[in-house]
Amino acid sequence: MDTIIEQLKTARQSLGMKQFELGKKLGLPQSHISKIESGQNDPRLSTIEDMARILDHELMIIPRQMIPHINALLRGGETKKPRWTLLDDEAGL
């Protein structure tokens, strides 16, 4: 969870958005945003999802076995299998 919060904080800062502004869009006080970002508050998943969307990010839940394939796609590298076979092989087709 800490990594997600750190990424959202970085996204907020790169957009030049202040904690106050993010809080206003979320309907939360700036102090609450500060506590979330500093790890003093454990936010609800719905709050994290709303934060992500406001900051032009999207949370996704993916099957653990797909993580190496997704990481390879993000890096632009190859997995051990050709990409075109990933879904067919794992779906049992």
C-alpha atoms as a PDB file:
ATOM      1  CA  MET A   1       0.000   0.000   0.000  1.00  0.00           C
ATOM      2  CA  ASP A   2       2.867   2.376   0.787  1.00  0.00           C
ATOM      3  CA  THR A   3       4.121   2.138  -2.800  1.00  0.00           C
ATOM      4  CA  ILE A   4       0.707   3.095  -4.154  1.00  0.00           C
ATOM      5  CA  ILE A   5       0.472   6.092  -1.825  1.00  0.00           C
ATOM      6  CA  GLU A   6       4.016   7.173  -2.737  1.00  0.00           C
ATOM      7  CA  GLN A   7       3.150   6.964  -6.438  1.00  0.00           C
ATOM      8  CA  LEU A   8      -0.006   8.997  -5.927  1.00  0.00           C
ATOM      9  CA  LYS A   9       1.911  11.613  -3.946  1.00  0.00           C
ATOM     10  CA  THR A  10       4.495  11.822  -6.741  1.00  0.00           C
ATOM     11  CA  ALA A  11       1.692  12.137  -9.308  1.00  0.00           C
ATOM     12  CA  ARG A  12       0.065  14.929  -7.286  1.00  0.00           C
ATOM     13  CA  GLN A  13       3.352  16.794  -7.006  1.00  0.00           C
ATOM     14  CA  SER A  14       4.171  16.381 -10.690  1.00  0.00           C
ATOM     15  CA  LEU A  15       0.809  17.932 -11.544  1.00  0.00           C
ATOM     16  CA  GLY A  16       1.649  20.859  -9.278  1.00  0.00           C
ATOM     17  CA  MET A  17      -1.401  20.094  -7.169  1.00  0.00           C
ATOM     18  CA  LYS A  18      -1.360  20.999  -3.482  1.00  0.00           C
ATOM     19  CA  GLN A  19      -2.698  18.690  -0.785  1.00  0.00           C
ATOM     20  CA  PHE A  20      -5.421  21.256  -0.158  1.00  0.00           C
ATOM     21  CA  GLU A  21      -6.564  21.079  -3.790  1.00  0.00           C
ATOM     22  CA  LEU A  22      -6.643  17.283  -3.803  1.00  0.00           C
ATOM     23  CA  GLY A  23      -8.505  17.293  -0.511  1.00  0.00           C
ATOM     24  CA  LYS A  24     -11.073  19.719  -1.871  1.00  0.00           C
ATOM     25  CA  LYS A  25     -11.736  17.470  -4.872  1.00  0.00           C
ATOM     26  CA  LEU A  26     -12.079  14.476  -2.553  1.00  0.00           C
ATOM     27  CA  GLY A  27     -14.161  16.310   0.028  1.00  0.00           C
ATOM     28  CA  LEU A  28     -11.461  15.794   2.668  1.00  0.00           C
ATOM     29  CA  PRO A  29      -9.421  18.272   4.701  1.00  0.00           C
ATOM     30  CA  GLN A  30      -5.787  18.901   3.749  1.00  0.00           C
ATOM     31  CA  SER A  31      -4.708  17.425   7.091  1.00  0.00           C
ATOM     32  CA  HIS A  32      -6.297  14.098   6.119  1.00  0.00           C
ATOM     33  CA  ILE A  33      -4.412  14.054   2.794  1.00  0.00           C
ATOM     34  CA  SER A  34      -1.206  14.828   4.678  1.00  0.00           C
ATOM     35  CA  LYS A  35      -1.807  11.909   7.061  1.00  0.00           C
ATOM     36  CA  ILE A  36      -2.504   9.548   4.163  1.00  0.00           C
ATOM     37  CA  GLU A  37       0.656  10.587   2.326  1.00  0.00           C
ATOM     38  CA  SER A  38       2.823  10.345   5.452  1.00  0.00           C
ATOM     39  CA  GLY A  39       1.472   6.914   6.408  1.00  0.00           C
ATOM     40  CA  GLN A  40      -0.256   8.129   9.569  1.00  0.00           C
ATOM     41  CA  ASN A  41      -3.686   7.216   8.217  1.00  0.00           C
ATOM     42  CA  ASP A  42      -4.751   3.990   6.516  1.00  0.00           C
ATOM     43  CA  PRO A  43      -7.249   5.135   3.869  1.00  0.00           C
ATOM     44  CA  ARG A  44     -10.145   3.156   2.488  1.00  0.00           C
ATOM     45  CA  LEU A  45      -9.637   1.533  -0.877  1.00  0.00           C
ATOM     46  CA  SER A  46     -12.377   3.772  -2.292  1.00  0.00           C
ATOM     47  CA  THR A  47     -10.424   6.859  -1.174  1.00  0.00           C
ATOM     48  CA  ILE A  48      -7.264   5.582  -2.871  1.00  0.00           C
ATOM     49  CA  GLU A  49      -9.246   4.831  -6.011  1.00  0.00           C
ATOM     50  CA  ASP A  50     -10.731   8.337  -6.024  1.00  0.00           C
ATOM     51  CA  MET A  51      -7.296   9.875  -5.448  1.00  0.00           C
ATOM     52  CA  ALA A  52      -5.881   7.884  -8.361  1.00  0.00           C
ATOM     53  CA  ARG A  53      -8.611   8.930 -10.756  1.00  0.00           C
ATOM     54  CA  ILE A  54      -8.311  12.596  -9.827  1.00  0.00           C
ATOM     55  CA  LEU A  55      -4.567  12.307 -10.492  1.00  0.00           C
ATOM     56  CA  ASP A  56      -5.194  10.627 -13.889  1.00  0.00           C
ATOM     57  CA  HIS A  57      -4.142   7.166 -12.682  1.00  0.00           C
ATOM     58  CA  GLU A  58      -6.061   3.923 -12.486  1.00  0.00           C
ATOM     59  CA  LEU A  59      -5.865   1.130  -9.938  1.00  0.00           C
ATOM     60  CA  MET A  60      -6.054  -2.371 -11.339  1.00  0.00           C
ATOM     61  CA  ILE A  61      -6.256  -5.755  -9.701  1.00  0.00           C
ATOM     62  CA  ILE A  62      -4.596  -8.408 -11.793  1.00  0.00           C
ATOM     63  CA  PRO A  63      -3.993 -12.106 -11.262  1.00  0.00           C
ATOM     64  CA  ARG A  64      -0.613 -12.696  -9.650  1.00  0.00           C
ATOM     65  CA  GLN A  65       0.498 -15.066 -12.432  1.00  0.00           C
ATOM     66  CA  MET A  66       0.099 -12.222 -14.950  1.00  0.00           C
ATOM     67  CA  ILE A  67       2.490  -9.868 -13.142  1.00  0.00           C
ATOM     68  CA  PRO A  68       5.649 -10.997 -15.017  1.00  0.00           C
ATOM     69  CA  HIS A  69       3.873 -10.559 -18.349  1.00  0.00           C
ATOM     70  CA  ILE A  70       2.555  -7.115 -17.472  1.00  0.00           C
ATOM     71  CA  ASN A  71       5.957  -6.023 -16.168  1.00  0.00           C
ATOM     72  CA  ALA A  72       7.542  -7.227 -19.420  1.00  0.00           C
ATOM     73  CA  LEU A  73       5.010  -5.245 -21.437  1.00  0.00           C
ATOM     74  CA  LEU A  74       5.682  -2.134 -19.361  1.00  0.00           C
ATOM     75  CA  ARG A  75       9.434  -2.521 -19.807  1.00  0.00           C
ATOM     76  CA  GLY A  76       9.047  -3.252 -23.496  1.00  0.00           C
ATOM     77  CA  GLY A  77      10.903  -6.505 -22.982  1.00  0.00           C
ATOM     78  CA  GLU A  78      10.016 -10.039 -23.799  1.00  0.00           C
ATOM     79  CA  THR A  79       8.650 -12.796 -21.624  1.00  0.00           C
ATOM     80  CA  LYS A  80       9.641 -16.429 -22.098  1.00  0.00           C
ATOM     81  CA  LYS A  81       6.582 -16.935 -24.300  1.00  0.00           C
ATOM     82  CA  PRO A  82       5.565 -14.853 -27.296  1.00  0.00           C
ATOM     83  CA  ARG A  83       3.014 -12.244 -26.250  1.00  0.00           C
ATOM     84  CA  TRP A  84       0.422 -13.521 -28.674  1.00  0.00           C
ATOM     85  CA  THR A  85       0.253 -16.854 -26.836  1.00  0.00           C
ATOM     86  CA  LEU A  86      -0.084 -15.555 -23.291  1.00  0.00           C
ATOM     87  CA  LEU A  87      -3.842 -15.307 -23.107  1.00  0.00           C
ATOM     88  CA  ASP A  88      -4.536 -18.438 -25.143  1.00  0.00           C
ATOM     89  CA  ASP A  89      -2.110 -20.599 -23.126  1.00  0.00           C
ATOM     90  CA  GLU A  90      -3.266 -19.358 -19.737  1.00  0.00           C
ATOM     91  CA  ALA A  91      -6.932 -19.602 -20.621  1.00  0.00           C
ATOM     92  CA  GLY A  92      -6.420 -23.233 -21.575  1.00  0.00           C
ATOM     93  CA  LEU A  93      -7.228 -22.637 -25.239  1.00  0.00           C
END
